[in-house]
Amino acid sequence: SKIMSLVESVINIAVGFGISLAAQMYFLPLLGVTVS
């Protein structure tokens, strides 16, 4: 259904955002990059 496609897309985007944020917070300091 259209609503389930929307739910799937929102969850996919939210998970991707969370993974991206966590990866940056972990890996950037390992590379010597300090950001807030």
Full PDB file with SEQRES, HELIX, SHEET, SSBOND, CRYST1, ORIGX, SCALE, CONECT and MASTER records, all heavy atoms in Angstrom:
SEQRES   1 A   36  SER LYS ILE MET SER LEU VAL GLU SER VAL ILE ASN ILE          
SEQRES   2 A   36  ALA VAL GLY PHE GLY ILE SER LEU ALA ALA GLN MET TYR          
SEQRES   3 A   36  PHE LEU PRO LEU LEU GLY VAL THR VAL SER                      
HELIX    1 AA1 LYS A    2  LEU A   30  1                                  29    
CRYST1    1.000    1.000    1.000  90.00  90.00  90.00 P 1           1          
ORIGX1      1.000000  0.000000  0.000000        0.00000                         
ORIGX2      0.000000  1.000000  0.000000        0.00000                         
ORIGX3      0.000000  0.000000  1.000000        0.00000                         
SCALE1      1.000000  0.000000  0.000000        0.00000                         
SCALE2      0.000000  1.000000  0.000000        0.00000                         
SCALE3      0.000000  0.000000  1.000000        0.00000                         
ATOM      1  N   SER A   1       0.845  -1.195   0.000  1.00  0.00           N  
ATOM      2  CA  SER A   1       0.000   0.000   0.000  1.00  0.00           C  
ATOM      3  C   SER A   1       0.885   1.251   0.000  1.00  0.00           C  
ATOM      4  O   SER A   1       2.060   1.208   0.367  1.00  0.00           O  
ATOM      5  CB  SER A   1      -0.913   0.008   1.226  1.00  0.00           C  
ATOM      6  OG  SER A   1      -0.155   0.222   2.400  1.00  0.00           O  
ATOM      7  N   LYS A   2       0.292   2.362  -0.400  1.00  0.00           N  
ATOM      8  CA  LYS A   2       1.040   3.626  -0.444  1.00  0.00           C  
ATOM      9  C   LYS A   2       1.514   4.027   0.952  1.00  0.00           C  
ATOM     10  O   LYS A   2       2.637   4.497   1.118  1.00  0.00           O  
ATOM     11  CB  LYS A   2       0.183   4.729  -1.051  1.00  0.00           C  
ATOM     12  CG  LYS A   2      -0.047   4.539  -2.531  1.00  0.00           C  
ATOM     13  CD  LYS A   2      -0.924   5.626  -3.096  1.00  0.00           C  
ATOM     14  CE  LYS A   2      -1.190   5.374  -4.575  1.00  0.00           C  
ATOM     15  NZ  LYS A   2      -2.076   6.374  -5.155  1.00  0.00           N  
ATOM     16  N   ILE A   3       0.680   3.822   1.952  1.00  0.00           N  
ATOM     17  CA  ILE A   3       1.061   4.206   3.319  1.00  0.00           C  
ATOM     18  C   ILE A   3       2.220   3.341   3.815  1.00  0.00           C  
ATOM     19  O   ILE A   3       3.138   3.838   4.460  1.00  0.00           O  
ATOM     20  CB  ILE A   3      -0.150   4.179   4.293  1.00  0.00           C  
ATOM     21  CG1 ILE A   3       0.212   4.862   5.619  1.00  0.00           C  
ATOM     22  CG2 ILE A   3      -0.619   2.779   4.550  1.00  0.00           C  
ATOM     23  CD1 ILE A   3       0.304   6.339   5.532  1.00  0.00           C  
ATOM     24  N   MET A   4       2.196   2.048   3.468  1.00  0.00           N  
ATOM     25  CA  MET A   4       3.290   1.175   3.901  1.00  0.00           C  
ATOM     26  C   MET A   4       4.577   1.511   3.146  1.00  0.00           C  
ATOM     27  O   MET A   4       5.669   1.413   3.701  1.00  0.00           O  
ATOM     28  CB  MET A   4       2.912  -0.295   3.717  1.00  0.00           C  
ATOM     29  CG  MET A   4       1.926  -0.800   4.760  1.00  0.00           C  
ATOM     30  SD  MET A   4       2.363  -0.376   6.482  1.00  0.00           S  
ATOM     31  CE  MET A   4       3.897  -1.251   6.687  1.00  0.00           C  
ATOM     32  N   SER A   5       4.458   1.930   1.878  1.00  0.00           N  
ATOM     33  CA  SER A   5       5.641   2.385   1.139  1.00  0.00           C  
ATOM     34  C   SER A   5       6.231   3.620   1.798  1.00  0.00           C  
ATOM     35  O   SER A   5       7.448   3.751   1.929  1.00  0.00           O  
ATOM     36  CB  SER A   5       5.275   2.705  -0.312  1.00  0.00           C  
ATOM     37  OG  SER A   5       4.944   1.547  -1.014  1.00  0.00           O  
ATOM     38  N   LEU A   6       5.352   4.523   2.241  1.00  0.00           N  
ATOM     39  CA  LEU A   6       5.814   5.727   2.933  1.00  0.00           C  
ATOM     40  C   LEU A   6       6.492   5.360   4.251  1.00  0.00           C  
ATOM     41  O   LEU A   6       7.574   5.856   4.565  1.00  0.00           O  
ATOM     42  CB  LEU A   6       4.650   6.681   3.173  1.00  0.00           C  
ATOM     43  CG  LEU A   6       4.980   7.945   3.956  1.00  0.00           C  
ATOM     44  CD1 LEU A   6       5.985   8.806   3.189  1.00  0.00           C  
ATOM     45  CD2 LEU A   6       3.716   8.736   4.257  1.00  0.00           C  
ATOM     46  N   VAL A   7       5.870   4.476   5.021  1.00  0.00           N  
ATOM     47  CA  VAL A   7       6.446   4.040   6.306  1.00  0.00           C  
ATOM     48  C   VAL A   7       7.812   3.403   6.072  1.00  0.00           C  
ATOM     49  O   VAL A   7       8.783   3.702   6.777  1.00  0.00           O  
ATOM     50  CB  VAL A   7       5.487   3.070   7.035  1.00  0.00           C  
ATOM     51  CG1 VAL A   7       6.173   2.388   8.201  1.00  0.00           C  
ATOM     52  CG2 VAL A   7       4.234   3.808   7.502  1.00  0.00           C  
ATOM     53  N   GLU A   8       7.905   2.525   5.068  1.00  0.00           N  
ATOM     54  CA  GLU A   8       9.181   1.868   4.761  1.00  0.00           C  
ATOM     55  C   GLU A   8      10.243   2.900   4.391  1.00  0.00           C  
ATOM     56  O   GLU A   8      11.387   2.823   4.845  1.00  0.00           O  
ATOM     57  CB  GLU A   8       8.993   0.879   3.617  1.00  0.00           C  
ATOM     58  CG  GLU A   8      10.282   0.162   3.238  1.00  0.00           C  
ATOM     59  CD  GLU A   8      10.099  -0.790   2.067  1.00  0.00           C  
ATOM     60  OE1 GLU A   8       8.972  -1.246   1.817  1.00  0.00           O  
ATOM     61  OE2 GLU A   8      11.115  -1.079   1.413  1.00  0.00           O  
ATOM     62  N   SER A   9       9.870   3.872   3.565  1.00  0.00           N  
ATOM     63  CA  SER A   9      10.827   4.902   3.154  1.00  0.00           C  
ATOM     64  C   SER A   9      11.299   5.738   4.335  1.00  0.00           C  
ATOM     65  O   SER A   9      12.492   6.020   4.470  1.00  0.00           O  
ATOM     66  CB  SER A   9      10.194   5.823   2.104  1.00  0.00           C  
ATOM     67  OG  SER A   9       9.929   5.120   0.931  1.00  0.00           O  
ATOM     68  N   VAL A  10      10.372   6.139   5.196  1.00  0.00           N  
ATOM     69  CA  VAL A  10      10.733   6.959   6.361  1.00  0.00           C  
ATOM     70  C   VAL A  10      11.663   6.174   7.288  1.00  0.00           C  
ATOM     71  O   VAL A  10      12.674   6.708   7.766  1.00  0.00           O  
ATOM     72  CB  VAL A  10       9.466   7.448   7.098  1.00  0.00           C  
ATOM     73  CG1 VAL A  10       9.805   8.042   8.453  1.00  0.00           C  
ATOM     74  CG2 VAL A  10       8.715   8.459   6.236  1.00  0.00           C  
ATOM     75  N   ILE A  11      11.340   4.909   7.541  1.00  0.00           N  
ATOM     76  CA  ILE A  11      12.193   4.090   8.406  1.00  0.00           C  
ATOM     77  C   ILE A  11      13.570   3.911   7.775  1.00  0.00           C  
ATOM     78  O   ILE A  11      14.602   4.026   8.449  1.00  0.00           O  
ATOM     79  CB  ILE A  11      11.534   2.727   8.702  1.00  0.00           C  
ATOM     80  CG1 ILE A  11      10.315   2.938   9.610  1.00  0.00           C  
ATOM     81  CG2 ILE A  11      12.524   1.756   9.334  1.00  0.00           C  
ATOM     82  CD1 ILE A  11       9.467   1.691   9.801  1.00  0.00           C  
ATOM     83  N   ASN A  12      13.603   3.652   6.464  1.00  0.00           N  
ATOM     84  CA  ASN A  12      14.871   3.490   5.762  1.00  0.00           C  
ATOM     85  C   ASN A  12      15.720   4.754   5.874  1.00  0.00           C  
ATOM     86  O   ASN A  12      16.923   4.691   6.154  1.00  0.00           O  
ATOM     87  CB  ASN A  12      14.590   3.141   4.294  1.00  0.00           C  
ATOM     88  CG  ASN A  12      15.841   2.764   3.531  1.00  0.00           C  
ATOM     89  OD1 ASN A  12      16.893   2.531   4.097  1.00  0.00           O  
ATOM     90  ND2 ASN A  12      15.708   2.710   2.222  1.00  0.00           N  
ATOM     91  N   ILE A  13      15.110   5.906   5.685  1.00  0.00           N  
ATOM     92  CA  ILE A  13      15.835   7.176   5.773  1.00  0.00           C  
ATOM     93  C   ILE A  13      16.309   7.420   7.204  1.00  0.00           C  
ATOM     94  O   ILE A  13      17.450   7.827   7.429  1.00  0.00           O  
ATOM     95  CB  ILE A  13      14.946   8.336   5.274  1.00  0.00           C  
ATOM     96  CG1 ILE A  13      14.743   8.212   3.762  1.00  0.00           C  
ATOM     97  CG2 ILE A  13      15.536   9.689   5.645  1.00  0.00           C  
ATOM     98  CD1 ILE A  13      13.648   9.093   3.209  1.00  0.00           C  
ATOM     99  N   ALA A  14      15.455   7.154   8.190  1.00  0.00           N  
ATOM    100  CA  ALA A  14      15.832   7.364   9.590  1.00  0.00           C  
ATOM    101  C   ALA A  14      16.992   6.457   9.996  1.00  0.00           C  
ATOM    102  O   ALA A  14      17.936   6.902  10.666  1.00  0.00           O  
ATOM    103  CB  ALA A  14      14.633   7.130  10.503  1.00  0.00           C  
ATOM    104  N   VAL A  15      16.949   5.215   9.584  1.00  0.00           N  
ATOM    105  CA  VAL A  15      18.041   4.279   9.903  1.00  0.00           C  
ATOM    106  C   VAL A  15      19.329   4.731   9.223  1.00  0.00           C  
ATOM    107  O   VAL A  15      20.405   4.737   9.827  1.00  0.00           O  
ATOM    108  CB  VAL A  15      17.658   2.833   9.508  1.00  0.00           C  
ATOM    109  CG1 VAL A  15      18.868   1.917   9.535  1.00  0.00           C  
ATOM    110  CG2 VAL A  15      16.559   2.306  10.421  1.00  0.00           C  
ATOM    111  N   GLY A  16      19.231   5.128   7.948  1.00  0.00           N  
ATOM    112  CA  GLY A  16      20.413   5.622   7.230  1.00  0.00           C  
ATOM    113  C   GLY A  16      21.005   6.858   7.891  1.00  0.00           C  
ATOM    114  O   GLY A  16      22.222   6.980   8.026  1.00  0.00           O  
ATOM    115  N   PHE A  17      20.133   7.761   8.320  1.00  0.00           N  
ATOM    116  CA  PHE A  17      20.588   8.963   9.013  1.00  0.00           C  
ATOM    117  C   PHE A  17      21.319   8.590  10.308  1.00  0.00           C  
ATOM    118  O   PHE A  17      22.399   9.106  10.595  1.00  0.00           O  
ATOM    119  CB  PHE A  17      19.391   9.872   9.310  1.00  0.00           C  
ATOM    120  CG  PHE A  17      19.735  11.101  10.089  1.00  0.00           C  
ATOM    121  CD1 PHE A  17      20.297  12.197   9.454  1.00  0.00           C  
ATOM    122  CD2 PHE A  17      19.509  11.160  11.458  1.00  0.00           C  
ATOM    123  CE1 PHE A  17      20.614  13.338  10.167  1.00  0.00           C  
ATOM    124  CE2 PHE A  17      19.834  12.295  12.170  1.00  0.00           C  
ATOM    125  CZ  PHE A  17      20.387  13.385  11.532  1.00  0.00           C  
ATOM    126  N   GLY A  18      20.729   7.684  11.073  1.00  0.00           N  
ATOM    127  CA  GLY A  18      21.346   7.254  12.337  1.00  0.00           C  
ATOM    128  C   GLY A  18      22.691   6.586  12.125  1.00  0.00           C  
ATOM    129  O   GLY A  18      23.658   6.843  12.862  1.00  0.00           O  
ATOM    130  N   ILE A  19      22.775   5.720  11.123  1.00  0.00           N  
ATOM    131  CA  ILE A  19      24.051   5.042  10.827  1.00  0.00           C  
ATOM    132  C   ILE A  19      25.095   6.063  10.399  1.00  0.00           C  
ATOM    133  O   ILE A  19      26.253   6.002  10.832  1.00  0.00           O  
ATOM    134  CB  ILE A  19      23.848   3.963   9.753  1.00  0.00           C  
ATOM    135  CG1 ILE A  19      23.052   2.798  10.333  1.00  0.00           C  
ATOM    136  CG2 ILE A  19      25.178   3.481   9.189  1.00  0.00           C  
ATOM    137  CD1 ILE A  19      22.607   1.767   9.307  1.00  0.00           C  
ATOM    138  N   SER A  20      24.697   7.004   9.544  1.00  0.00           N  
ATOM    139  CA  SER A  20      25.628   8.037   9.085  1.00  0.00           C  
ATOM    140  C   SER A  20      26.140   8.865  10.264  1.00  0.00           C  
ATOM    141  O   SER A  20      27.345   9.111  10.390  1.00  0.00           O  
ATOM    142  CB  SER A  20      24.925   8.940   8.068  1.00  0.00           C  
ATOM    143  OG  SER A  20      25.760   9.999   7.681  1.00  0.00           O  
ATOM    144  N   LEU A  21      25.236   9.267  11.143  1.00  0.00           N  
ATOM    145  CA  LEU A  21      25.624  10.074  12.304  1.00  0.00           C  
ATOM    146  C   LEU A  21      26.569   9.285  13.221  1.00  0.00           C  
ATOM    147  O   LEU A  21      27.612   9.802  13.631  1.00  0.00           O  
ATOM    148  CB  LEU A  21      24.371  10.514  13.066  1.00  0.00           C  
ATOM    149  CG  LEU A  21      24.588  11.442  14.258  1.00  0.00           C  
ATOM    150  CD1 LEU A  21      25.236  12.751  13.802  1.00  0.00           C  
ATOM    151  CD2 LEU A  21      23.264  11.715  14.950  1.00  0.00           C  
ATOM    152  N   ALA A  22      26.228   8.058  13.509  1.00  0.00           N  
ATOM    153  CA  ALA A  22      27.071   7.231  14.391  1.00  0.00           C  
ATOM    154  C   ALA A  22      28.442   6.976  13.766  1.00  0.00           C  
ATOM    155  O   ALA A  22      29.474   7.034  14.458  1.00  0.00           O  
ATOM    156  CB  ALA A  22      26.363   5.912  14.693  1.00  0.00           C  
ATOM    157  N   ALA A  23      28.462   6.699  12.464  1.00  0.00           N  
ATOM    158  CA  ALA A  23      29.740   6.439  11.790  1.00  0.00           C  
ATOM    159  C   ALA A  23      30.637   7.675  11.830  1.00  0.00           C  
ATOM    160  O   ALA A  23      31.849   7.571  12.085  1.00  0.00           O  
ATOM    161  CB  ALA A  23      29.491   5.998  10.350  1.00  0.00           C  
ATOM    162  N   GLN A  24      30.059   8.837  11.569  1.00  0.00           N  
ATOM    163  CA  GLN A  24      30.840  10.068  11.617  1.00  0.00           C  
ATOM    164  C   GLN A  24      31.389  10.308  13.015  1.00  0.00           C  
ATOM    165  O   GLN A  24      32.559  10.686  13.180  1.00  0.00           O  
ATOM    166  CB  GLN A  24      29.978  11.267  11.201  1.00  0.00           C  
ATOM    167  CG  GLN A  24      29.650  11.328   9.762  1.00  0.00           C  
ATOM    168  CD  GLN A  24      28.569  12.343   9.470  1.00  0.00           C  
ATOM    169  OE1 GLN A  24      27.983  12.235   8.439  1.00  0.00           O  
ATOM    170  NE2 GLN A  24      28.297  13.292  10.344  1.00  0.00           N  
ATOM    171  N   MET A  25      30.554  10.122  14.027  1.00  0.00           N  
ATOM    172  CA  MET A  25      30.991  10.374  15.405  1.00  0.00           C  
ATOM    173  C   MET A  25      32.101   9.415  15.811  1.00  0.00           C  
ATOM    174  O   MET A  25      32.965   9.767  16.622  1.00  0.00           O  
ATOM    175  CB  MET A  25      29.799  10.269  16.356  1.00  0.00           C  
ATOM    176  CG  MET A  25      28.803  11.401  16.175  1.00  0.00           C  
ATOM    177  SD  MET A  25      27.324  11.245  17.178  1.00  0.00           S  
ATOM    178  CE  MET A  25      28.012  11.344  18.820  1.00  0.00           C  
ATOM    179  N   TYR A  26      32.110   8.204  15.219  1.00  0.00           N  
ATOM    180  CA  TYR A  26      33.128   7.214  15.573  1.00  0.00           C  
ATOM    181  C   TYR A  26      34.398   7.394  14.739  1.00  0.00           C  
ATOM    182  O   TYR A  26      35.507   7.409  15.276  1.00  0.00           O  
ATOM    183  CB  TYR A  26      32.557   5.797  15.389  1.00  0.00           C  
ATOM    184  CG  TYR A  26      33.559   4.717  15.707  1.00  0.00           C  
ATOM    185  CD1 TYR A  26      33.859   4.392  17.025  1.00  0.00           C  
ATOM    186  CD2 TYR A  26      34.220   4.048  14.686  1.00  0.00           C  
ATOM    187  CE1 TYR A  26      34.796   3.409  17.320  1.00  0.00           C  
ATOM    188  CE2 TYR A  26      35.153   3.077  14.975  1.00  0.00           C  
ATOM    189  CZ  TYR A  26      35.438   2.749  16.287  1.00  0.00           C  
ATOM    190  OH  TYR A  26      36.366   1.790  16.585  1.00  0.00           O  
ATOM    191  N   PHE A  27      34.229   7.517  13.418  1.00  0.00           N  
ATOM    192  CA  PHE A  27      35.392   7.474  12.537  1.00  0.00           C  
ATOM    193  C   PHE A  27      36.114   8.812  12.372  1.00  0.00           C  
ATOM    194  O   PHE A  27      37.334   8.821  12.189  1.00  0.00           O  
ATOM    195  CB  PHE A  27      34.999   6.943  11.147  1.00  0.00           C  
ATOM    196  CG  PHE A  27      34.690   5.481  11.155  1.00  0.00           C  
ATOM    197  CD1 PHE A  27      33.396   5.033  10.995  1.00  0.00           C  
ATOM    198  CD2 PHE A  27      35.691   4.539  11.345  1.00  0.00           C  
ATOM    199  CE1 PHE A  27      33.104   3.682  11.006  1.00  0.00           C  
ATOM    200  CE2 PHE A  27      35.415   3.185  11.364  1.00  0.00           C  
ATOM    201  CZ  PHE A  27      34.106   2.744  11.194  1.00  0.00           C  
ATOM    202  N   LEU A  28      35.397   9.924  12.401  1.00  0.00           N  
ATOM    203  CA  LEU A  28      36.083  11.202  12.199  1.00  0.00           C  
ATOM    204  C   LEU A  28      37.155  11.453  13.259  1.00  0.00           C  
ATOM    205  O   LEU A  28      38.278  11.851  12.915  1.00  0.00           O  
ATOM    206  CB  LEU A  28      35.072  12.355  12.132  1.00  0.00           C  
ATOM    207  CG  LEU A  28      34.237  12.424  10.835  1.00  0.00           C  
ATOM    208  CD1 LEU A  28      33.243  13.577  10.891  1.00  0.00           C  
ATOM    209  CD2 LEU A  28      35.127  12.534   9.617  1.00  0.00           C  
ATOM    210  N   PRO A  29      36.884  11.204  14.563  1.00  0.00           N  
ATOM    211  CA  PRO A  29      37.967  11.382  15.543  1.00  0.00           C  
ATOM    212  C   PRO A  29      39.150  10.429  15.304  1.00  0.00           C  
ATOM    213  O   PRO A  29      40.298  10.794  15.560  1.00  0.00           O  
ATOM    214  CB  PRO A  29      37.289  11.073  16.887  1.00  0.00           C  
ATOM    215  CG  PRO A  29      35.848  11.401  16.654  1.00  0.00           C  
ATOM    216  CD  PRO A  29      35.601  11.000  15.228  1.00  0.00           C  
ATOM    217  N   LEU A  30      38.886   9.233  14.800  1.00  0.00           N  
ATOM    218  CA  LEU A  30      39.978   8.303  14.484  1.00  0.00           C  
ATOM    219  C   LEU A  30      40.868   8.841  13.373  1.00  0.00           C  
ATOM    220  O   LEU A  30      42.052   8.508  13.295  1.00  0.00           O  
ATOM    221  CB  LEU A  30      39.431   6.930  14.069  1.00  0.00           C  
ATOM    222  CG  LEU A  30      38.724   6.116  15.146  1.00  0.00           C  
ATOM    223  CD1 LEU A  30      38.169   4.822  14.559  1.00  0.00           C  
ATOM    224  CD2 LEU A  30      39.681   5.812  16.294  1.00  0.00           C  
ATOM    225  N   LEU A  31      40.286   9.681  12.526  1.00  0.00           N  
ATOM    226  CA  LEU A  31      41.037  10.290  11.432  1.00  0.00           C  
ATOM    227  C   LEU A  31      41.633  11.644  11.828  1.00  0.00           C  
ATOM    228  O   LEU A  31      42.217  12.344  11.003  1.00  0.00           O  
ATOM    229  CB  LEU A  31      40.129  10.474  10.211  1.00  0.00           C  
ATOM    230  CG  LEU A  31      39.558   9.183   9.616  1.00  0.00           C  
ATOM    231  CD1 LEU A  31      38.521   9.505   8.553  1.00  0.00           C  
ATOM    232  CD2 LEU A  31      40.682   8.346   9.034  1.00  0.00           C  
ATOM    233  N   GLY A  32      41.440  12.024  13.088  1.00  0.00           N  
ATOM    234  CA  GLY A  32      41.985  13.284  13.580  1.00  0.00           C  
ATOM    235  C   GLY A  32      41.124  14.493  13.280  1.00  0.00           C  
ATOM    236  O   GLY A  32      41.583  15.623  13.388  1.00  0.00           O  
ATOM    237  N   VAL A  33      39.880  14.253  12.894  1.00  0.00           N  
ATOM    238  CA  VAL A  33      38.965  15.360  12.593  1.00  0.00           C  
ATOM    239  C   VAL A  33      38.044  15.546  13.794  1.00  0.00           C  
ATOM    240  O   VAL A  33      37.328  14.632  14.193  1.00  0.00           O  
ATOM    241  CB  VAL A  33      38.124  15.071  11.325  1.00  0.00           C  
ATOM    242  CG1 VAL A  33      37.160  16.200  11.049  1.00  0.00           C  
ATOM    243  CG2 VAL A  33      39.036  14.816  10.136  1.00  0.00           C  
ATOM    244  N   THR A  34      38.068  16.743  14.358  1.00  0.00           N  
ATOM    245  CA  THR A  34      37.240  17.030  15.517  1.00  0.00           C  
ATOM    246  C   THR A  34      36.116  17.976  15.097  1.00  0.00           C  
ATOM    247  O   THR A  34      36.378  19.071  14.607  1.00  0.00           O  
ATOM    248  CB  THR A  34      38.073  17.679  16.634  1.00  0.00           C  
ATOM    249  OG1 THR A  34      39.195  16.844  16.907  1.00  0.00           O  
ATOM    250  CG2 THR A  34      37.252  17.858  17.892  1.00  0.00           C  
ATOM    251  N   VAL A  35      34.896  17.503  15.278  1.00  0.00           N  
ATOM    252  CA  VAL A  35      33.729  18.338  14.973  1.00  0.00           C  
ATOM    253  C   VAL A  35      32.739  18.197  16.118  1.00  0.00           C  
ATOM    254  O   VAL A  35      32.709  17.178  16.816  1.00  0.00           O  
ATOM    255  CB  VAL A  35      33.059  17.951  13.627  1.00  0.00           C  
ATOM    256  CG1 VAL A  35      33.953  18.289  12.453  1.00  0.00           C  
ATOM    257  CG2 VAL A  35      32.681  16.509  13.594  1.00  0.00           C  
ATOM    258  N   SER A  36      31.908  19.217  16.291  1.00  0.00           N  
ATOM    259  CA  SER A  36      30.916  19.178  17.366  1.00  0.00           C  
ATOM    260  C   SER A  36      29.763  18.247  16.974  1.00  0.00           C  
ATOM    261  O   SER A  36      29.593  17.889  15.801  1.00  0.00           O  
ATOM    262  CB  SER A  36      30.369  20.584  17.622  1.00  0.00           C  
ATOM    263  OG  SER A  36      29.582  21.003  16.512  1.00  0.00           O  
TER     264      SER A  36                                                      
MASTER        0    0    0    1    0    0    0    6  263    1    0    3          
END                                                                             
